[in-house]
C-alpha atoms as a PDB file:
ATOM      1  CA  MET A   1     -10.298  15.930  -7.580  1.00  0.00           C
ATOM      2  CA  SER A   2      -7.905  18.334  -5.844  1.00  0.00           C
ATOM      3  CA  SER A   3      -5.746  20.328  -8.258  1.00  0.00           C
ATOM      4  CA  LYS A   4      -2.766  19.583  -6.000  1.00  0.00           C
ATOM      5  CA  LEU A   5      -2.996  15.802  -6.305  1.00  0.00           C
ATOM      6  CA  PRO A   6      -1.178  15.517  -9.667  1.00  0.00           C
ATOM      7  CA  PHE A   7       1.773  17.449  -8.214  1.00  0.00           C
ATOM      8  CA  VAL A   8       1.812  15.320  -5.068  1.00  0.00           C
ATOM      9  CA  ARG A   9       1.803  12.168  -7.189  1.00  0.00           C
ATOM     10  CA  MET A  10       4.547  13.459  -9.467  1.00  0.00           C
ATOM     11  CA  SER A  11       6.696  14.215  -6.416  1.00  0.00           C
ATOM     12  CA  VAL A  12       6.226  10.626  -5.241  1.00  0.00           C
ATOM     13  CA  TYR A  13       7.031   9.301  -8.725  1.00  0.00           C
ATOM     14  CA  VAL A  14      10.240  11.339  -8.977  1.00  0.00           C
ATOM     15  CA  PHE A  15      11.265  10.179  -5.501  1.00  0.00           C
ATOM     16  CA  THR A  16      10.534   6.549  -6.458  1.00  0.00           C
ATOM     17  CA  ILE A  17      12.645   6.688  -9.610  1.00  0.00           C
ATOM     18  CA  THR A  18      15.503   8.505  -7.859  1.00  0.00           C
ATOM     19  CA  MET A  19      15.495   6.105  -4.908  1.00  0.00           C
ATOM     20  CA  HIS A  20      15.556   2.937  -7.005  1.00  0.00           C
ATOM     21  CA  LEU A  21      18.088   4.156  -9.569  1.00  0.00           C
ATOM     22  CA  SER A  22      20.405   5.391  -6.812  1.00  0.00           C
ATOM     23  CA  ASN A  23      20.189   2.031  -5.082  1.00  0.00           C
ATOM     24  CA  ILE A  24      20.820   0.153  -8.336  1.00  0.00           C
ATOM     25  CA  TRP A  25      23.913   2.292  -8.942  1.00  0.00           C
ATOM     26  CA  TYR A  26      25.191   1.819  -5.384  1.00  0.00           C
ATOM     27  CA  MET A  27      24.765  -1.960  -5.486  1.00  0.00           C
ATOM     28  CA  ALA A  28      26.413  -2.187  -8.918  1.00  0.00           C
ATOM     29  CA  VAL A  29      29.452  -0.273  -7.637  1.00  0.00           C
ATOM     30  CA  SER A  30      29.605  -2.412  -4.483  1.00  0.00           C
ATOM     31  CA  LEU A  31      29.403  -5.630  -6.489  1.00  0.00           C
ATOM     32  CA  GLU A  32      32.195  -4.517  -8.797  1.00  0.00           C
ATOM     33  CA  LYS A  33      34.496  -3.791  -5.844  1.00  0.00           C
ATOM     34  CA  ASP A  34      33.766  -7.045  -4.009  1.00  0.00           C
ATOM     35  CA  PHE A  35      33.955  -9.528  -6.911  1.00  0.00           C
ATOM     36  CA  LYS A  36      37.569 -10.494  -6.170  1.00  0.00           C
ATOM     37  CA  MET A  37      37.044 -10.870  -2.416  1.00  0.00           C
ATOM     38  CA  VAL A  38      33.797 -12.851  -2.673  1.00  0.00           C
ATOM     39  CA  PRO A  39      33.675 -14.946  -5.896  1.00  0.00           C
ATOM     40  CA  GLU A  40      30.039 -15.971  -5.222  1.00  0.00           C
ATOM     41  CA  LEU A  41      28.965 -12.369  -5.780  1.00  0.00           C
ATOM     42  CA  LYS A  42      29.709 -12.666  -9.501  1.00  0.00           C
ATOM     43  CA  ALA A  43      27.138 -15.438  -9.882  1.00  0.00           C
ATOM     44  CA  PHE A  44      24.723 -13.471  -7.687  1.00  0.00           C
ATOM     45  CA  SER A  45      25.167 -10.410  -9.895  1.00  0.00           C
ATOM     46  CA  LYS A  46      24.302 -12.363 -13.049  1.00  0.00           C
ATOM     47  CA  LEU A  47      21.171 -13.764 -11.419  1.00  0.00           C
ATOM     48  CA  GLN A  48      19.917 -10.450 -10.016  1.00  0.00           C
ATOM     49  CA  PRO A  49      17.375  -9.875 -12.820  1.00  0.00           C
ATOM     50  CA  ARG A  50      15.733 -13.182 -11.842  1.00  0.00           C
ATOM     51  CA  TYR A  51      14.895 -12.102  -8.294  1.00  0.00           C
ATOM     52  CA  PHE A  52      11.252 -11.192  -7.763  1.00  0.00           C
ATOM     53  CA  THR A  53      12.267  -8.173  -5.693  1.00  0.00           C
ATOM     54  CA  CYS A  54      14.147  -6.808  -8.712  1.00  0.00           C
ATOM     55  CA  TRP A  55      11.112  -7.389 -10.912  1.00  0.00           C
ATOM     56  CA  THR A  56       9.009  -5.456  -8.439  1.00  0.00           C
ATOM     57  CA  PHE A  57      11.172  -2.366  -8.068  1.00  0.00           C
ATOM     58  CA  PHE A  58      11.682  -2.311 -11.849  1.00  0.00           C
ATOM     59  CA  LEU A  59       7.893  -2.242 -12.254  1.00  0.00           C
ATOM     60  CA  GLN A  60       7.727   0.566  -9.693  1.00  0.00           C
ATOM     61  CA  ILE A  61      10.056   2.570 -11.937  1.00  0.00           C
ATOM     62  CA  VAL A  62       7.959   1.796 -15.037  1.00  0.00           C
ATOM     63  CA  HIS A  63       4.759   2.716 -13.194  1.00  0.00           C
ATOM     64  CA  ALA A  64       6.308   5.961 -11.932  1.00  0.00           C
ATOM     65  CA  LEU A  65       7.351   6.930 -15.476  1.00  0.00           C
ATOM     66  CA  ALA A  66       3.839   6.199 -16.765  1.00  0.00           C
ATOM     67  CA  GLY A  67       2.395   8.129 -13.820  1.00  0.00           C
ATOM     68  CA  ILE A  68       4.525  11.199 -14.546  1.00  0.00           C
ATOM     69  CA  LEU A  69       3.425  11.138 -18.187  1.00  0.00           C
ATOM     70  CA  CYS A  70      -0.247  10.844 -17.192  1.00  0.00           C
ATOM     71  CA  ASP A  71      -0.082  13.671 -14.662  1.00  0.00           C
ATOM     72  CA  VAL A  72       1.902  15.973 -16.947  1.00  0.00           C
ATOM     73  CA  LEU A  73      -0.808  15.499 -19.587  1.00  0.00           C
ATOM     74  CA  VAL A  74      -3.507  16.205 -16.984  1.00  0.00           C
ATOM     75  CA  VAL A  75      -1.786  19.402 -15.799  1.00  0.00           C
ATOM     76  CA  VAL A  76      -0.998  20.663 -19.309  1.00  0.00           C
ATOM     77  CA  ASN A  77      -4.623  20.110 -20.372  1.00  0.00           C
ATOM     78  CA  SER A  78      -6.186  21.258 -17.088  1.00  0.00           C
ATOM     79  CA  LYS A  79      -8.062  24.119 -18.773  1.00  0.00           C
ATOM     80  CA  ASN A  80      -9.675  21.732 -21.230  1.00  0.00           C
ATOM     81  CA  LYS A  81     -12.657  20.396 -19.263  1.00  0.00           C
ATOM     82  CA  THR A  82     -13.349  17.680 -21.835  1.00  0.00           C
ATOM     83  CA  TYR A  83      -9.788  16.313 -21.907  1.00  0.00           C
ATOM     84  CA  ARG A  84      -9.347  12.621 -21.211  1.00  0.00           C
ATOM     85  CA  LEU A  85      -6.106  10.675 -20.979  1.00  0.00           C
ATOM     86  CA  PRO A  86      -5.371   8.371 -23.941  1.00  0.00           C
ATOM     87  CA  ARG A  87      -7.247   5.161 -23.259  1.00  0.00           C
ATOM     88  CA  LEU A  88      -4.276   2.840 -23.819  1.00  0.00           C
ATOM     89  CA  LEU A  89      -1.978   4.881 -21.567  1.00  0.00           C
ATOM     90  CA  LYS A  90      -4.516   5.077 -18.754  1.00  0.00           C
ATOM     91  CA  GLY A  91      -5.414   1.400 -19.121  1.00  0.00           C
ATOM     92  CA  PHE A  92      -1.761   0.332 -19.079  1.00  0.00           C
ATOM     93  CA  LYS A  93      -0.978   2.325 -15.951  1.00  0.00           C
ATOM     94  CA  ASN A  94      -4.099   1.280 -14.054  1.00  0.00           C
ATOM     95  CA  THR A  95      -3.764  -2.398 -14.935  1.00  0.00           C
ATOM     96  CA  LEU A  96      -0.052  -2.425 -14.141  1.00  0.00           C
ATOM     97  CA  PHE A  97      -0.709  -1.012 -10.685  1.00  0.00           C
ATOM     98  CA  SER A  98      -3.922  -2.797  -9.721  1.00  0.00           C
ATOM     99  CA  ALA A  99      -3.213  -6.223 -11.185  1.00  0.00           C
ATOM    100  CA  VAL A 100       0.547  -6.568 -10.797  1.00  0.00           C
ATOM    101  CA  LEU A 101       2.402  -3.904  -8.837  1.00  0.00           C
ATOM    102  CA  TRP A 102       0.204  -3.635  -5.744  1.00  0.00           C
ATOM    103  CA  PRO A 103      -0.062  -7.394  -5.051  1.00  0.00           C
ATOM    104  CA  SER A 104       3.591  -7.997  -5.992  1.00  0.00           C
ATOM    105  CA  THR A 105       4.746  -5.326  -3.551  1.00  0.00           C
ATOM    106  CA  LEU A 106       2.724  -6.780  -0.687  1.00  0.00           C
ATOM    107  CA  VAL A 107       4.001 -10.273  -1.486  1.00  0.00           C
ATOM    108  CA  VAL A 108       7.626  -9.079  -1.461  1.00  0.00           C
ATOM    109  CA  VAL A 109       7.283  -7.214   1.838  1.00  0.00           C
ATOM    110  CA  THR A 110       5.329  -9.979   3.590  1.00  0.00           C
ATOM    111  CA  PHE A 111       7.317 -12.933   2.255  1.00  0.00           C
ATOM    112  CA  PHE A 112      10.743 -11.340   2.664  1.00  0.00           C
ATOM    113  CA  TRP A 113      10.370  -9.947   6.172  1.00  0.00           C
ATOM    114  CA  SER A 114       8.565 -13.024   7.499  1.00  0.00           C
ATOM    115  CA  LEU A 115      11.471 -15.231   6.420  1.00  0.00           C
ATOM    116  CA  TYR A 116      14.106 -12.642   7.304  1.00  0.00           C
ATOM    117  CA  PHE A 117      13.058 -12.472  10.948  1.00  0.00           C
ATOM    118  CA  TYR A 118      12.494 -16.223  11.185  1.00  0.00           C
ATOM    119  CA  ASP A 119      15.714 -17.357   9.499  1.00  0.00           C
ATOM    120  CA  ARG A 120      17.548 -14.991   7.182  1.00  0.00           C
ATOM    121  CA  SER A 121      19.390 -17.851   5.463  1.00  0.00           C
ATOM    122  CA  LEU A 122      16.070 -18.986   3.961  1.00  0.00           C
ATOM    123  CA  ILE A 123      15.783 -15.865   1.836  1.00  0.00           C
ATOM    124  CA  TYR A 124      19.372 -15.162   0.760  1.00  0.00           C
ATOM    125  CA  PRO A 125      22.888 -16.466   1.522  1.00  0.00           C
ATOM    126  CA  SER A 126      25.109 -14.644   4.015  1.00  0.00           C
ATOM    127  CA  PHE A 127      27.639 -13.456   1.408  1.00  0.00           C
ATOM    128  CA  VAL A 128      24.975 -11.111  -0.008  1.00  0.00           C
ATOM    129  CA  ASP A 129      25.512  -8.945   3.098  1.00  0.00           C
ATOM    130  CA  GLN A 130      28.682  -7.719   1.372  1.00  0.00           C
ATOM    131  CA  VAL A 131      26.581  -5.597  -1.000  1.00  0.00           C
ATOM    132  CA  LEU A 132      23.130  -5.533   0.568  1.00  0.00           C
ATOM    133  CA  THR A 133      23.496  -2.919   3.282  1.00  0.00           C
ATOM    134  CA  SER A 134      20.696  -2.223   5.735  1.00  0.00           C
ATOM    135  CA  LEU A 135      19.720   0.853   3.720  1.00  0.00           C
ATOM    136  CA  SER A 136      19.641  -1.032   0.404  1.00  0.00           C
ATOM    137  CA  ASN A 137      17.659  -3.783   2.063  1.00  0.00           C
ATOM    138  CA  HIS A 138      15.005  -1.334   3.247  1.00  0.00           C
ATOM    139  CA  VAL A 139      14.885   0.418  -0.126  1.00  0.00           C
ATOM    140  CA  MET A 140      14.039  -2.862  -1.861  1.00  0.00           C
ATOM    141  CA  HIS A 141      11.912  -4.535   0.796  1.00  0.00           C
ATOM    142  CA  THR A 142      10.387  -1.790   2.970  1.00  0.00           C
ATOM    143  CA  ALA A 143      10.191   1.548   1.141  1.00  0.00           C
ATOM    144  CA  ILE A 144       8.319  -0.087  -1.726  1.00  0.00           C
ATOM    145  CA  LEU A 145       5.247  -0.465   0.518  1.00  0.00           C
ATOM    146  CA  PRO A 146       4.561   3.205   1.421  1.00  0.00           C
ATOM    147  CA  ILE A 147       5.073   4.067  -2.239  1.00  0.00           C
ATOM    148  CA  VAL A 148       2.120   1.927  -3.359  1.00  0.00           C
ATOM    149  CA  ILE A 149       0.020   3.034  -0.366  1.00  0.00           C
ATOM    150  CA  LEU A 150       0.614   6.664  -1.365  1.00  0.00           C
ATOM    151  CA  GLU A 151      -0.538   5.805  -4.892  1.00  0.00           C
ATOM    152  CA  VAL A 152      -3.802   4.429  -3.512  1.00  0.00           C
ATOM    153  CA  ALA A 153      -4.212   7.441  -1.207  1.00  0.00           C
ATOM    154  CA  CYS A 154      -3.473  10.041  -3.890  1.00  0.00           C
ATOM    155  CA  ARG A 155      -5.272   8.585  -6.911  1.00  0.00           C
ATOM    156  CA  PRO A 156      -9.063   8.231  -6.728  1.00  0.00           C
ATOM    157  CA  ARG A 157     -10.160   5.056  -8.531  1.00  0.00           C
ATOM    158  CA  ALA A 158     -13.395   3.257  -9.172  1.00  0.00           C
ATOM    159  CA  VAL A 159     -13.649  -0.374  -8.117  1.00  0.00           C
ATOM    160  CA  PRO A 160     -13.920  -2.666 -11.172  1.00  0.00           C
ATOM    161  CA  ARG A 161     -17.230  -4.471 -11.654  1.00  0.00           C
ATOM    162  CA  SER A 162     -15.336  -7.650 -12.424  1.00  0.00           C
ATOM    163  CA  HIS A 163     -11.871  -8.543 -11.168  1.00  0.00           C
ATOM    164  CA  ARG A 164     -11.399 -11.282 -13.765  1.00  0.00           C
ATOM    165  CA  LYS A 165      -9.139  -9.286 -16.098  1.00  0.00           C
ATOM    166  CA  ASN A 166      -6.884  -8.112 -13.275  1.00  0.00           C
ATOM    167  CA  ILE A 167      -6.614 -11.573 -11.749  1.00  0.00           C
ATOM    168  CA  ILE A 168      -5.664 -13.033 -15.144  1.00  0.00           C
ATOM    169  CA  HIS A 169      -2.856 -10.461 -15.401  1.00  0.00           C
ATOM    170  CA  LEU A 170      -1.808 -11.252 -11.837  1.00  0.00           C
ATOM    171  CA  ALA A 171      -1.768 -14.999 -12.512  1.00  0.00           C
ATOM    172  CA  PHE A 172       0.214 -14.514 -15.729  1.00  0.00           C
ATOM    173  CA  HIS A 173       2.831 -12.438 -13.893  1.00  0.00           C
ATOM    174  CA  PHE A 174       3.351 -14.978 -11.121  1.00  0.00           C
ATOM    175  CA  ILE A 175       3.284 -17.988 -13.466  1.00  0.00           C
ATOM    176  CA  LEU A 176       5.859 -16.255 -15.665  1.00  0.00           C
ATOM    177  CA  TYR A 177       8.078 -15.746 -12.633  1.00  0.00           C
ATOM    178  CA  LEU A 178       7.645 -19.369 -11.577  1.00  0.00           C
ATOM    179  CA  LEU A 179       8.808 -20.399 -15.056  1.00  0.00           C
ATOM    180  CA  VAL A 180      11.888 -18.186 -14.626  1.00  0.00           C
ATOM    181  CA  LEU A 181      12.636 -19.908 -11.305  1.00  0.00           C
ATOM    182  CA  ALA A 182      12.200 -23.333 -12.900  1.00  0.00           C
ATOM    183  CA  TYR A 183      14.358 -22.372 -15.889  1.00  0.00           C
ATOM    184  CA  THR A 184      17.099 -21.166 -13.529  1.00  0.00           C
ATOM    185  CA  TYR A 185      16.961 -24.493 -11.709  1.00  0.00           C
ATOM    186  CA  VAL A 186      17.225 -26.432 -14.980  1.00  0.00           C
ATOM    187  CA  GLU A 187      19.987 -24.179 -16.333  1.00  0.00           C
ATOM    188  CA  LYS A 188      22.078 -23.661 -13.178  1.00  0.00           C
ATOM    189  CA  GLY A 189      20.958 -26.502 -10.938  1.00  0.00           C
ATOM    190  CA  ILE A 190      20.020 -24.079  -8.152  1.00  0.00           C
ATOM    191  CA  TRP A 191      16.962 -22.422  -6.667  1.00  0.00           C
ATOM    192  CA  ILE A 192      17.860 -18.757  -6.241  1.00  0.00           C
ATOM    193  CA  TYR A 193      15.876 -18.609  -3.007  1.00  0.00           C
ATOM    194  CA  PRO A 194      17.348 -21.010  -0.397  1.00  0.00           C
ATOM    195  CA  ILE A 195      13.900 -21.854   1.010  1.00  0.00           C
ATOM    196  CA  PHE A 196      13.045 -23.586  -2.273  1.00  0.00           C
ATOM    197  CA  SER A 197      16.290 -25.581  -2.176  1.00  0.00           C
ATOM    198  CA  LEU A 198      15.483 -26.696   1.354  1.00  0.00           C
ATOM    199  CA  PHE A 199      11.977 -27.947   0.599  1.00  0.00           C
ATOM    200  CA  TYR A 200      12.270 -29.025  -3.056  1.00  0.00           C
ATOM    201  CA  GLY A 201      11.169 -32.641  -3.398  1.00  0.00           C
ATOM    202  CA  THR A 202       8.966 -32.519  -0.296  1.00  0.00           C
ATOM    203  CA  VAL A 203       5.260 -31.865   0.137  1.00  0.00           C
ATOM    204  CA  TYR A 204       6.142 -28.442   1.546  1.00  0.00           C
ATOM    205  CA  PHE A 205       7.421 -27.178  -1.810  1.00  0.00           C
ATOM    206  CA  PRO A 206       4.003 -27.034  -3.536  1.00  0.00           C
ATOM    207  CA  LEU A 207       2.468 -25.811  -0.272  1.00  0.00           C
ATOM    208  CA  ILE A 208       4.832 -22.835  -0.312  1.00  0.00           C
ATOM    209  CA  LEU A 209       3.820 -22.039  -3.900  1.00  0.00           C
ATOM    210  CA  VAL A 210       0.124 -22.289  -3.017  1.00  0.00           C
ATOM    211  CA  SER A 211       0.698 -20.037   0.007  1.00  0.00           C
ATOM    212  CA  ILE A 212       2.364 -17.416  -2.187  1.00  0.00           C
ATOM    213  CA  ALA A 213      -0.521 -17.607  -4.679  1.00  0.00           C
ATOM    214  CA  LEU A 214      -3.073 -17.114  -1.889  1.00  0.00           C
ATOM    215  CA  LEU A 215      -1.029 -14.238  -0.483  1.00  0.00           C
ATOM    216  CA  ALA A 216      -0.940 -12.581  -3.918  1.00  0.00           C
ATOM    217  CA  LEU A 217      -4.697 -12.989  -4.380  1.00  0.00           C
ATOM    218  CA  THR A 218      -5.444 -11.669  -0.894  1.00  0.00           C
ATOM    219  CA  SER A 219      -3.071  -8.752  -1.445  1.00  0.00           C
ATOM    220  CA  TYR A 220      -4.854  -7.886  -4.690  1.00  0.00           C
ATOM    221  CA  HIS A 221      -8.247  -7.647  -2.985  1.00  0.00           C
ATOM    222  CA  ILE A 222      -6.937  -5.584  -0.037  1.00  0.00           C
ATOM    223  CA  GLN A 223      -6.455  -2.527  -2.254  1.00  0.00           C
ATOM    224  CA  TRP A 224     -10.175  -2.002  -2.866  1.00  0.00           C
ATOM    225  CA  PRO A 225     -11.362  -1.505   0.753  1.00  0.00           C
ATOM    226  CA  LEU A 226      -8.330   0.754   1.160  1.00  0.00           C
ATOM    227  CA  THR A 227      -9.374   2.735  -1.923  1.00  0.00           C
ATOM    228  CA  ARG A 228     -12.885   3.157  -0.494  1.00  0.00           C
ATOM    229  CA  TYR A 229     -11.390   4.266   2.818  1.00  0.00           C
ATOM    230  CA  PHE A 230      -9.429   7.077   1.170  1.00  0.00           C
ATOM    231  CA  HIS A 231     -11.886   8.146  -1.528  1.00  0.00           C
ATOM    232  CA  GLY A 232     -15.315   6.763  -0.707  1.00  0.00           C
ATOM    233  CA  GLU A 233     -17.514   4.936  -3.205  1.00  0.00           C
ATOM    234  CA  ILE A 234     -16.664   6.417  -6.595  1.00  0.00           C
ATOM    235  CA  GLY A 235     -18.616   3.913  -8.647  1.00  0.00           C
ATOM    236  CA  LYS A 236     -17.757   0.836 -10.615  1.00  0.00           C
ATOM    237  CA  VAL A 237     -16.153   0.443 -14.008  1.00  0.00           C
ATOM    238  CA  LYS A 238     -15.708  -2.454 -16.390  1.00  0.00           C
ATOM    239  CA  ASN A 239     -12.002  -2.620 -15.700  1.00  0.00           C
ATOM    240  CA  THR A 240      -9.284  -0.600 -14.046  1.00  0.00           C
END
C-alpha cells in the first residue's frame, strides 16, 4: 500500500467533515432567519433529523472521524511492521462503510435526483427553497457521491466471502428508517416525503418501498466490482 494513501484519505475526511458541518451551520442560520416569514420552516426544522439525507451525511461525518483515527494510528505506527489496527475499530469502520454508508449514499443520489428532475414537488415542498440553496442541495445530494467513490479508490479492501452480515446491517438500517417514517406519520399525520403522501393507500406505495430496497441491494453489490477495478483481486475475508 502506498505510504501516501493515508494522507490522501485523511485530506478527504477533513474535507468531508468541514463541508457537512459548514452546511449544517449555514442551514441552521438560514432557518432561524426565515422562521417568521415562512411558518412551515419551523416544522421542517424539527423534522430534519428524520430525513434520510440527514442520516446519510451524519454517517459520512462519523465514518470520516473513524477514518481519521484509523489513519492516524497507521501513520504513527508505520515503523512497526507488525502493527494492526484494533479489531473493533477496523470492523466498525469497514462495516459502516460497506454495509450502510455506500448503499445509502447511492440511494440518496439516485432517488433524490430522479424525482427532482421529474417533479421536484415529489421530494420536498417548495417552501424548502428558502433555506435549501443550490449549493446546499449539491452538498447533501451530489457531493456525497464522490466522497464514497474516493474512499473505494483510496482504500484497498478484500471482498468478503459472504455478504450475509453486511446485508443484515443494511436491512436493519433501512427497516429502522422505515419505522421512523411510519412513526412520523402516526405522530404528525404526515409523510415527510410528498411522494409517499401521494401514493399512500395505493398499490404504488409498497412498490416504491420494494424499489428502494432493490436499489439499496444493487447499490451494495456495485462497490465490489469497483473495488476490484481500483485495486485488483486482493483476496477474500470472512467479513469486511
